[in-house]
Amino acid sequence: MAIQDKVKINENTQLLFEKAADFLNLSEEARFLLKNPYREISVQIPIKLDNGQFKVFNGYRVQHNGSRGPYKGGIRFHPSVDIDEVRALAALMTWKTAVVNIPFGGAKGGVNCDPKKLSINELEKLSKGYMSKIDLVVGPYRDIPAPDMNTNAQVMAWMMTEYSKKHGHTLAIVTGKPIALGGSYGREEATGRGCVYVIKEASKDFGIDLTKSTCIIQGFGNVGSNAAKFMEEEGSKVIGVSDVQGAIYNKQGLDIKELLKYREEHGTISTYPKAEKLTNEELLELECDILIPAALEGVIYYDNAPRIKAKLIVEAANAPVTIRADKILEERKIPVIPDIIANAGGVIVSYFEWVQNLQQFTWDLDEINFKLKKKITKSYRDIYNYAKENNLSLRTAAFVIGIQRVVEATKLRGWI
């Protein structure tokens, strides 16, 4: 990535907030209150490794804003995790939950580690150790964690178990759990499915016939692989995908079911024999109707934005398009559906899981998907209509709607 475009995600989020706040003419007092987190926690988690050595890991939980309900946000395990990243992602969760109009605030958590270098036993110790350090500030009506990068249903099961030691059996303390421990049907694929629901709605606005479209997906983890599967089901031809080891391309289209099976057997899709090998960078610049960055932030930036050939970009990852790239794409008339709505399917179904846990009642998959589609397509439609009426980008419109809802709740509480 070009040095001049390496804006940290925290700075990126603050710039987006300020742009929307200017449009809303927010006072300095309101801006200060909404920009700064309510609580930030840094913890040290010592665990005994399998080789007998002790190692201390740094963990974080940031609770950004709880005006609209309990804090909500995932926990990621990654070597890049630091307080700035977690702080920015917590703020994004505040605006995301407001945009899709579910009764949560925003939070985020993370542990600085490389999970690929940890055994299952070490991951369990780390997960439980992290929860034991933050358990006094979380709870089913206070802060409800969920999976994020490199965490999953098993990690949530371990964290729920640790919390329950002190507080009793508490299903609603985390979402994204295994079905057998109170998880919701449809949660695992919810982000990818929700993304495709948004694409179906947006394709009407941007003149794209999904049944005749081509699609490229950068990232083939949980979100990217599910998005690929659902795009194929909608009739779109998925011509390129990638993982951390490289990208593959087939102009005639990839067989996603076969590709998923190949990944299961080989641990990667980069060596798939029925496709051309490319770099991740090359994949992003190929011609297609729909480009879905579903991996890391900042992959579309100042240098490569002029070479992007997609007709529509859909941010399944968090912040994959930088501020400067956003401006270039806007000038080139390439619409970007922002992460704040495109990847909100996960938190929407997390909300459904939380509600089911509190009610001690389970909804079936058809009901979950029906409710997800209704919620996320209405939220997209609100954003699109607001953007059109006020001559704003979809990203700015989404932030304005989210911030407006948080401001309203904050005022009603008498805090501003």
Protein backbone atom coordinates (compact mmCIF):
# COMPACT_ATOMS: atom_id res chain seq x y z
CA MET A 1 0.00 0.00 0.00
CA ALA A 2 1.21 3.49 -0.78
CA ILE A 3 2.79 5.23 2.23
CA GLN A 4 0.80 8.43 1.69
CA ASP A 5 -2.48 6.48 1.97
CA LYS A 6 -1.76 4.58 5.19
CA VAL A 7 -4.43 6.30 7.26
CA LYS A 8 -5.14 4.28 10.39
CA ILE A 9 -8.64 2.93 10.74
CA ASN A 10 -9.18 5.12 13.83
CA GLU A 11 -8.34 8.29 11.87
CA ASN A 12 -10.50 7.03 8.99
CA THR A 13 -13.50 6.57 11.29
CA GLN A 14 -13.05 10.00 12.88
CA LEU A 15 -12.91 11.67 9.45
CA LEU A 16 -16.12 9.94 8.39
CA PHE A 17 -17.78 10.99 11.65
CA GLU A 18 -16.73 14.63 11.21
CA LYS A 19 -18.05 14.73 7.64
CA ALA A 20 -21.48 13.50 8.78
CA ALA A 21 -21.40 15.74 11.87
CA ASP A 22 -20.74 18.78 9.65
CA PHE A 23 -23.78 17.89 7.55
CA LEU A 24 -25.87 17.65 10.74
CA ASN A 25 -24.37 20.86 12.22
CA LEU A 26 -23.62 19.08 15.50
CA SER A 27 -22.35 21.18 18.39
CA GLU A 28 -18.81 20.74 19.67
CA GLU A 29 -20.20 19.29 22.91
CA ALA A 30 -22.21 16.67 21.02
CA ARG A 31 -19.22 15.79 18.83
CA PHE A 32 -16.97 15.35 21.84
CA LEU A 33 -19.45 13.08 23.59
CA LEU A 34 -20.15 10.95 20.51
CA LYS A 35 -16.53 10.60 19.38
CA ASN A 36 -15.04 9.51 22.69
CA PRO A 37 -15.66 6.03 24.16
CA TYR A 38 -17.50 5.58 27.43
CA ARG A 39 -14.97 3.03 28.70
CA GLU A 40 -11.68 1.52 27.54
CA ILE A 41 -10.15 -1.53 29.18
CA SER A 42 -6.68 -2.97 28.69
CA VAL A 43 -5.93 -6.32 30.31
CA GLN A 44 -3.01 -8.72 30.51
CA ILE A 45 -3.76 -12.41 30.08
CA PRO A 46 -1.03 -14.78 31.31
CA ILE A 47 -1.37 -18.39 30.16
CA LYS A 48 0.79 -21.46 30.42
CA LEU A 49 1.68 -22.71 26.95
CA ASP A 50 1.81 -26.39 26.04
CA ASN A 51 5.61 -26.31 26.25
CA GLY A 52 5.44 -25.24 29.90
CA GLN A 53 6.39 -21.59 29.33
CA PHE A 54 4.24 -18.66 30.48
CA LYS A 55 3.28 -15.98 28.01
CA VAL A 56 1.37 -12.75 28.63
CA PHE A 57 -1.07 -11.51 25.96
CA ASN A 58 -2.56 -8.00 25.78
CA GLY A 59 -6.33 -7.74 25.45
CA TYR A 60 -8.75 -4.85 25.03
CA ARG A 61 -12.46 -4.05 25.31
CA VAL A 62 -13.77 -0.65 24.28
CA GLN A 63 -17.37 0.36 25.03
CA HIS A 64 -18.05 3.31 22.78
CA ASN A 65 -21.65 4.42 23.25
CA GLY A 66 -24.62 2.80 25.04
CA SER A 67 -27.32 5.43 24.47
CA ARG A 68 -29.49 3.08 22.41
CA GLY A 69 -28.98 -0.13 24.39
CA PRO A 70 -26.37 -2.59 25.72
CA TYR A 71 -22.96 -2.49 24.08
CA LYS A 72 -22.50 -4.94 21.19
CA GLY A 73 -19.43 -5.94 19.26
CA GLY A 74 -17.11 -8.76 18.34
CA ILE A 75 -13.81 -9.98 19.73
CA ARG A 76 -10.89 -10.56 17.35
CA PHE A 77 -7.66 -12.50 17.83
CA HIS A 78 -4.97 -11.06 15.54
CA PRO A 79 -1.33 -9.88 15.70
CA SER A 80 -2.35 -6.35 14.59
CA VAL A 81 -4.85 -5.77 17.43
CA ASP A 82 -4.16 -2.59 19.41
CA ILE A 83 -6.22 -0.05 21.31
CA ASP A 84 -6.55 2.32 18.33
CA GLU A 85 -7.98 -0.39 16.08
CA VAL A 86 -10.41 -1.61 18.75
CA ARG A 87 -11.47 1.97 19.52
CA ALA A 88 -12.29 2.64 15.86
CA LEU A 89 -14.19 -0.61 15.40
CA ALA A 90 -16.21 0.07 18.56
CA ALA A 91 -17.30 3.43 17.13
CA LEU A 92 -18.25 1.76 13.84
CA MET A 93 -20.43 -0.67 15.80
CA THR A 94 -22.27 2.26 17.41
CA TRP A 95 -23.18 3.65 14.01
CA LYS A 96 -23.84 0.21 12.48
CA THR A 97 -26.35 -0.88 15.13
CA ALA A 98 -28.07 2.50 14.77
CA VAL A 99 -28.18 2.32 10.96
CA VAL A 100 -29.95 -1.07 11.04
CA ASN A 101 -32.05 0.18 13.96
CA ILE A 102 -31.47 -2.54 16.52
CA PRO A 103 -31.40 -1.62 20.25
CA PHE A 104 -27.67 -1.86 20.88
CA GLY A 105 -24.75 0.46 21.38
CA GLY A 106 -21.26 -0.15 20.04
CA ALA A 107 -18.28 -2.01 21.49
CA LYS A 108 -15.34 -4.07 20.28
CA GLY A 109 -12.70 -6.31 21.79
CA GLY A 110 -9.53 -8.04 20.83
CA VAL A 111 -6.41 -9.88 21.91
CA ASN A 112 -3.01 -9.28 20.34
CA CYS A 113 -1.94 -12.80 19.35
CA ASP A 114 -1.36 -15.04 16.36
CA PRO A 115 -4.02 -17.75 16.75
CA LYS A 116 -2.39 -19.84 14.00
CA LYS A 117 0.54 -20.41 16.36
CA LEU A 118 -1.63 -21.51 19.29
CA SER A 119 -2.96 -25.00 19.98
CA ILE A 120 -6.64 -25.65 20.74
CA ASN A 121 -5.73 -25.99 24.41
CA GLU A 122 -3.89 -22.63 24.38
CA LEU A 123 -6.77 -20.93 22.56
CA GLU A 124 -9.20 -22.19 25.18
CA LYS A 125 -7.00 -20.83 27.99
CA LEU A 126 -6.66 -17.49 26.18
CA SER A 127 -10.41 -17.19 25.54
CA LYS A 128 -11.36 -18.01 29.12
CA GLY A 129 -8.56 -15.83 30.50
CA TYR A 130 -9.77 -12.86 28.46
CA MET A 131 -13.37 -13.26 29.63
CA SER A 132 -12.28 -13.63 33.25
CA LYS A 133 -10.55 -10.23 32.99
CA ILE A 134 -13.51 -8.35 31.48
CA ASP A 135 -16.48 -10.19 33.03
CA LEU A 136 -17.33 -7.36 35.48
CA VAL A 137 -18.08 -4.94 32.62
CA VAL A 138 -20.03 -7.30 30.36
CA GLY A 139 -23.42 -8.93 30.79
CA PRO A 140 -26.64 -9.71 28.87
CA TYR A 141 -27.99 -6.22 29.60
CA ARG A 142 -24.63 -4.44 29.64
CA ASP A 143 -22.27 -5.66 26.90
CA ILE A 144 -22.69 -8.74 24.69
CA PRO A 145 -19.54 -9.89 22.82
CA ALA A 146 -19.59 -11.92 19.58
CA PRO A 147 -17.13 -13.57 17.17
CA ASP A 148 -14.92 -11.49 14.90
CA MET A 149 -11.69 -12.10 13.01
CA ASN A 150 -10.15 -15.47 14.00
CA THR A 151 -12.77 -16.21 16.65
CA ASN A 152 -15.77 -18.49 16.22
CA ALA A 153 -18.62 -20.37 17.90
CA GLN A 154 -16.20 -22.49 19.92
CA VAL A 155 -14.44 -19.42 21.33
CA MET A 156 -17.84 -17.99 22.30
CA ALA A 157 -18.72 -21.28 24.03
CA TRP A 158 -15.53 -21.06 26.09
CA MET A 159 -16.24 -17.44 27.02
CA MET A 160 -19.84 -18.19 28.01
CA THR A 161 -18.58 -21.06 30.17
CA GLU A 162 -16.07 -18.79 31.93
CA TYR A 163 -18.67 -16.08 32.56
CA SER A 164 -21.14 -18.64 33.91
CA LYS A 165 -18.68 -19.74 36.63
CA LYS A 166 -19.33 -16.50 38.53
CA HIS A 167 -22.74 -15.43 37.28
CA GLY A 168 -24.67 -18.66 36.70
CA HIS A 169 -25.77 -20.17 33.39
CA THR A 170 -26.11 -17.13 31.12
CA LEU A 171 -26.81 -17.93 27.46
CA ALA A 172 -27.30 -14.27 26.47
CA ILE A 173 -23.80 -13.16 27.57
CA VAL A 174 -22.38 -13.78 24.06
CA THR A 175 -23.81 -14.36 20.60
CA GLY A 176 -22.44 -16.47 17.77
CA LYS A 177 -22.51 -19.58 19.99
CA PRO A 178 -22.89 -23.19 18.81
CA ILE A 179 -26.52 -24.19 18.21
CA ALA A 180 -26.24 -26.76 21.02
CA LEU A 181 -25.45 -23.96 23.51
CA GLY A 182 -28.17 -21.49 22.56
CA GLY A 183 -26.77 -20.21 19.28
CA SER A 184 -29.10 -19.05 16.52
CA TYR A 185 -29.73 -20.80 13.25
CA GLY A 186 -28.25 -18.76 10.43
CA ARG A 187 -25.73 -16.84 12.56
CA GLU A 188 -22.59 -18.36 11.04
CA GLU A 189 -23.50 -17.36 7.48
CA ALA A 190 -25.42 -14.20 8.42
CA THR A 191 -22.80 -11.64 7.35
CA GLY A 192 -22.35 -13.18 3.90
CA ARG A 193 -26.08 -13.74 3.46
CA GLY A 194 -26.94 -10.21 4.59
CA CYS A 195 -24.35 -8.82 2.16
CA VAL A 196 -26.03 -10.63 -0.73
CA TYR A 197 -29.48 -9.42 0.37
CA VAL A 198 -28.10 -5.87 0.14
CA ILE A 199 -26.59 -6.59 -3.29
CA LYS A 200 -29.95 -7.91 -4.55
CA GLU A 201 -31.63 -4.68 -3.48
CA ALA A 202 -28.82 -2.42 -4.73
CA SER A 203 -28.61 -4.11 -8.13
CA LYS A 204 -32.02 -2.62 -8.94
CA ASP A 205 -30.67 0.88 -8.27
CA PHE A 206 -27.49 0.48 -10.32
CA GLY A 207 -28.85 -1.37 -13.34
CA ILE A 208 -27.18 -4.73 -12.69
CA ASP A 209 -28.94 -7.96 -13.61
CA LEU A 210 -27.62 -10.46 -11.06
CA THR A 211 -28.43 -13.43 -13.27
CA LYS A 212 -26.08 -12.06 -15.94
CA SER A 213 -23.49 -10.50 -13.63
CA THR A 214 -19.88 -11.32 -12.85
CA CYS A 215 -18.52 -11.12 -9.32
CA ILE A 216 -15.08 -11.05 -7.69
CA ILE A 217 -14.61 -11.68 -3.98
CA GLN A 218 -11.36 -10.76 -2.25
CA GLY A 219 -11.15 -12.99 0.83
CA PHE A 220 -12.53 -16.51 1.19
CA GLY A 221 -12.99 -16.80 4.93
CA ASN A 222 -16.38 -17.11 6.62
CA VAL A 223 -17.84 -13.95 5.04
CA GLY A 224 -16.28 -14.26 1.59
CA SER A 225 -17.02 -17.95 1.09
CA ASN A 226 -20.64 -17.56 2.18
CA ALA A 227 -21.06 -14.49 -0.04
CA ALA A 228 -19.64 -16.52 -2.95
CA LYS A 229 -22.06 -19.37 -2.30
CA PHE A 230 -25.10 -17.08 -2.09
CA MET A 231 -24.05 -15.00 -5.12
CA GLU A 232 -23.79 -18.20 -7.14
CA GLU A 233 -27.28 -19.19 -5.95
CA GLU A 234 -28.58 -15.84 -7.22
CA GLY A 235 -27.21 -16.62 -10.68
CA SER A 236 -24.11 -14.44 -10.55
CA LYS A 237 -20.94 -15.85 -12.10
CA VAL A 238 -18.16 -15.77 -9.47
CA ILE A 239 -15.04 -15.40 -11.63
CA GLY A 240 -12.40 -14.70 -8.98
CA VAL A 241 -11.71 -15.30 -5.28
CA SER A 242 -8.69 -15.17 -3.00
CA ASP A 243 -7.29 -16.12 0.38
CA VAL A 244 -4.11 -15.12 2.22
CA GLN A 245 -2.03 -17.40 -0.02
CA GLY A 246 -3.16 -15.93 -3.33
CA ALA A 247 -5.98 -15.43 -5.79
CA ILE A 248 -7.55 -17.52 -8.55
CA TYR A 249 -9.48 -16.45 -11.65
CA ASN A 250 -11.63 -18.22 -14.21
CA LYS A 251 -13.45 -16.11 -16.79
CA GLN A 252 -16.05 -18.85 -17.27
CA GLY A 253 -16.89 -18.86 -13.56
CA LEU A 254 -15.82 -20.94 -10.56
CA ASP A 255 -17.78 -23.86 -9.12
CA ILE A 256 -18.14 -22.63 -5.53
CA LYS A 257 -19.29 -25.95 -4.05
CA GLU A 258 -16.32 -27.69 -5.62
CA LEU A 259 -14.02 -24.89 -4.46
CA LEU A 260 -15.28 -25.17 -0.86
CA LYS A 261 -14.61 -28.90 -0.93
CA TYR A 262 -11.12 -28.29 -2.37
CA ARG A 263 -10.33 -25.81 0.44
CA GLU A 264 -11.50 -28.31 3.04
CA GLU A 265 -9.13 -30.92 1.63
CA HIS A 266 -6.12 -28.68 0.90
CA GLY A 267 -6.43 -25.80 3.40
CA THR A 268 -6.31 -23.16 0.64
CA ILE A 269 -7.96 -22.26 -2.66
CA SER A 270 -4.80 -20.72 -4.14
CA THR A 271 -3.67 -24.05 -5.67
CA TYR A 272 -7.06 -24.88 -7.22
CA PRO A 273 -6.14 -26.38 -10.62
CA LYS A 274 -9.13 -25.18 -12.68
CA ALA A 275 -8.21 -21.49 -12.53
CA GLU A 276 -5.49 -18.99 -13.34
CA LYS A 277 -3.22 -17.94 -10.43
CA LEU A 278 -3.06 -14.21 -9.56
CA THR A 279 -1.99 -11.98 -6.70
CA ASN A 280 -4.62 -10.45 -4.41
CA GLU A 281 -3.72 -7.04 -5.87
CA GLU A 282 -4.25 -8.22 -9.45
CA LEU A 283 -7.61 -9.75 -8.56
CA LEU A 284 -8.98 -6.44 -7.28
CA GLU A 285 -8.23 -4.72 -10.59
CA LEU A 286 -9.99 -7.20 -12.88
CA GLU A 287 -13.10 -6.21 -14.80
CA CYS A 288 -16.35 -7.34 -13.16
CA ASP A 289 -19.84 -6.12 -12.29
CA ILE A 290 -19.58 -6.54 -8.52
CA LEU A 291 -16.42 -6.43 -6.42
CA ILE A 292 -16.72 -7.64 -2.82
CA PRO A 293 -13.67 -6.97 -0.62
CA ALA A 294 -14.25 -9.39 2.26
CA ALA A 295 -10.86 -9.54 4.00
CA LEU A 296 -8.74 -6.77 5.51
CA GLU A 297 -9.07 -2.99 5.67
CA GLY A 298 -7.38 -0.62 3.23
CA VAL A 299 -7.07 -2.97 0.24
CA ILE A 300 -8.50 -0.37 -2.15
CA TYR A 301 -6.39 2.75 -1.73
CA TYR A 302 -5.03 5.84 -3.48
CA ASP A 303 -2.73 3.96 -5.89
CA ASN A 304 -5.06 1.22 -7.13
CA ALA A 305 -8.42 3.06 -7.00
CA PRO A 306 -7.91 4.53 -10.53
CA ARG A 307 -7.47 0.97 -11.87
CA ILE A 308 -10.59 -0.57 -10.32
CA LYS A 309 -12.94 -1.74 -13.10
CA ALA A 310 -15.96 -2.93 -11.10
CA LYS A 311 -19.37 -1.36 -11.63
CA LEU A 312 -20.27 -1.71 -7.93
CA ILE A 313 -18.14 -2.22 -4.80
CA VAL A 314 -19.68 -3.83 -1.73
CA GLU A 315 -17.69 -3.65 1.51
CA ALA A 316 -18.12 -7.02 3.21
CA ALA A 317 -14.94 -6.31 5.24
CA ASN A 318 -14.48 -3.43 7.66
CA ALA A 319 -13.03 -0.32 5.97
CA PRO A 320 -11.55 -2.00 2.85
CA VAL A 321 -11.73 1.31 0.94
CA THR A 322 -9.66 4.22 2.27
CA ILE A 323 -10.87 7.83 2.42
CA ARG A 324 -8.72 8.93 -0.53
CA ALA A 325 -9.76 5.93 -2.61
CA ASP A 326 -13.41 6.66 -1.78
CA LYS A 327 -13.06 10.11 -3.30
CA ILE A 328 -11.45 8.74 -6.48
CA LEU A 329 -14.17 6.11 -6.87
CA GLU A 330 -16.86 8.73 -6.35
CA GLU A 331 -15.31 10.89 -9.08
CA ARG A 332 -15.23 7.84 -11.36
CA LYS A 333 -18.95 7.19 -10.65
CA ILE A 334 -18.27 3.78 -9.09
CA PRO A 335 -20.74 3.39 -6.21
CA VAL A 336 -19.57 1.88 -2.91
CA ILE A 337 -22.00 0.21 -0.53
CA PRO A 338 -20.29 0.87 2.82
CA ASP A 339 -19.39 -1.71 5.44
CA ILE A 340 -21.74 -0.06 7.92
CA ILE A 341 -24.67 -1.65 6.04
CA ALA A 342 -23.08 -4.27 3.74
CA ASN A 343 -21.70 -6.44 6.55
CA ALA A 344 -24.40 -5.72 9.14
CA GLY A 345 -26.06 -9.13 8.71
CA GLY A 346 -23.91 -10.60 11.48
CA VAL A 347 -24.95 -8.12 14.13
CA ILE A 348 -28.60 -8.31 13.05
CA VAL A 349 -28.71 -12.09 13.57
CA SER A 350 -26.70 -11.64 16.77
CA TYR A 351 -29.57 -9.44 17.92
CA PHE A 352 -32.00 -12.22 17.00
CA GLU A 353 -29.88 -14.72 18.98
CA TRP A 354 -29.86 -12.43 22.03
CA VAL A 355 -33.65 -12.02 21.86
CA GLN A 356 -34.13 -15.81 21.57
CA ASN A 357 -31.84 -16.40 24.57
CA LEU A 358 -33.71 -13.88 26.70
CA GLN A 359 -37.06 -15.40 25.68
CA GLN A 360 -35.71 -18.96 25.97
CA PHE A 361 -37.38 -19.68 22.64
CA THR A 362 -35.86 -20.75 19.31
CA TRP A 363 -36.78 -19.48 15.83
CA ASP A 364 -36.23 -21.71 12.80
CA LEU A 365 -33.89 -20.83 9.93
CA ASP A 366 -36.64 -19.67 7.58
CA GLU A 367 -37.86 -17.16 10.15
CA ILE A 368 -34.32 -15.93 10.83
CA ASN A 369 -33.61 -15.38 7.13
CA PHE A 370 -36.99 -13.71 6.55
CA LYS A 371 -36.38 -11.28 9.43
CA LEU A 372 -32.78 -10.63 8.31
CA LYS A 373 -33.81 -9.87 4.74
CA LYS A 374 -36.59 -7.54 5.87
CA LYS A 375 -34.36 -5.65 8.32
CA ILE A 376 -31.26 -5.24 6.17
CA THR A 377 -33.03 -4.39 2.89
CA LYS A 378 -35.14 -1.72 4.61
CA SER A 379 -31.98 -0.26 6.16
CA TYR A 380 -30.26 -0.18 2.76
CA ARG A 381 -33.33 1.44 1.19
CA ASP A 382 -33.35 4.14 3.89
CA ILE A 383 -29.69 4.90 3.15
CA TYR A 384 -30.11 4.95 -0.63
CA ASN A 385 -33.16 7.22 -0.49
CA TYR A 386 -31.50 9.60 2.00
CA ALA A 387 -28.36 9.77 -0.16
CA LYS A 388 -30.38 10.56 -3.27
CA GLU A 389 -32.55 13.18 -1.56
CA ASN A 390 -29.56 14.98 -0.01
CA ASN A 391 -26.96 14.48 -2.78
CA LEU A 392 -24.68 12.46 -0.49
CA SER A 393 -22.59 9.35 -1.00
CA LEU A 394 -24.04 6.13 0.41
CA ARG A 395 -21.31 6.12 3.06
CA THR A 396 -22.01 9.65 4.29
CA ALA A 397 -25.77 9.00 4.24
CA ALA A 398 -25.30 5.87 6.36
CA PHE A 399 -23.20 7.74 8.92
CA VAL A 400 -25.70 10.62 9.03
CA ILE A 401 -28.63 8.27 9.68
CA GLY A 402 -26.72 6.35 12.36
CA ILE A 403 -25.45 9.47 14.12
CA GLN A 404 -28.91 11.08 14.02
CA ARG A 405 -30.41 8.10 15.83
CA VAL A 406 -27.70 8.08 18.48
CA VAL A 407 -28.05 11.86 18.99
CA GLU A 408 -31.81 11.49 19.44
CA ALA A 409 -31.39 8.76 22.08
CA THR A 410 -28.65 10.75 23.84
CA LYS A 411 -30.83 13.89 23.97
CA LEU A 412 -33.82 11.96 25.30
CA ARG A 413 -31.61 10.65 28.13
CA GLY A 414 -30.62 14.24 28.97
CA TRP A 415 -26.93 13.71 28.27
CA ILE A 416 -26.63 16.50 25.69
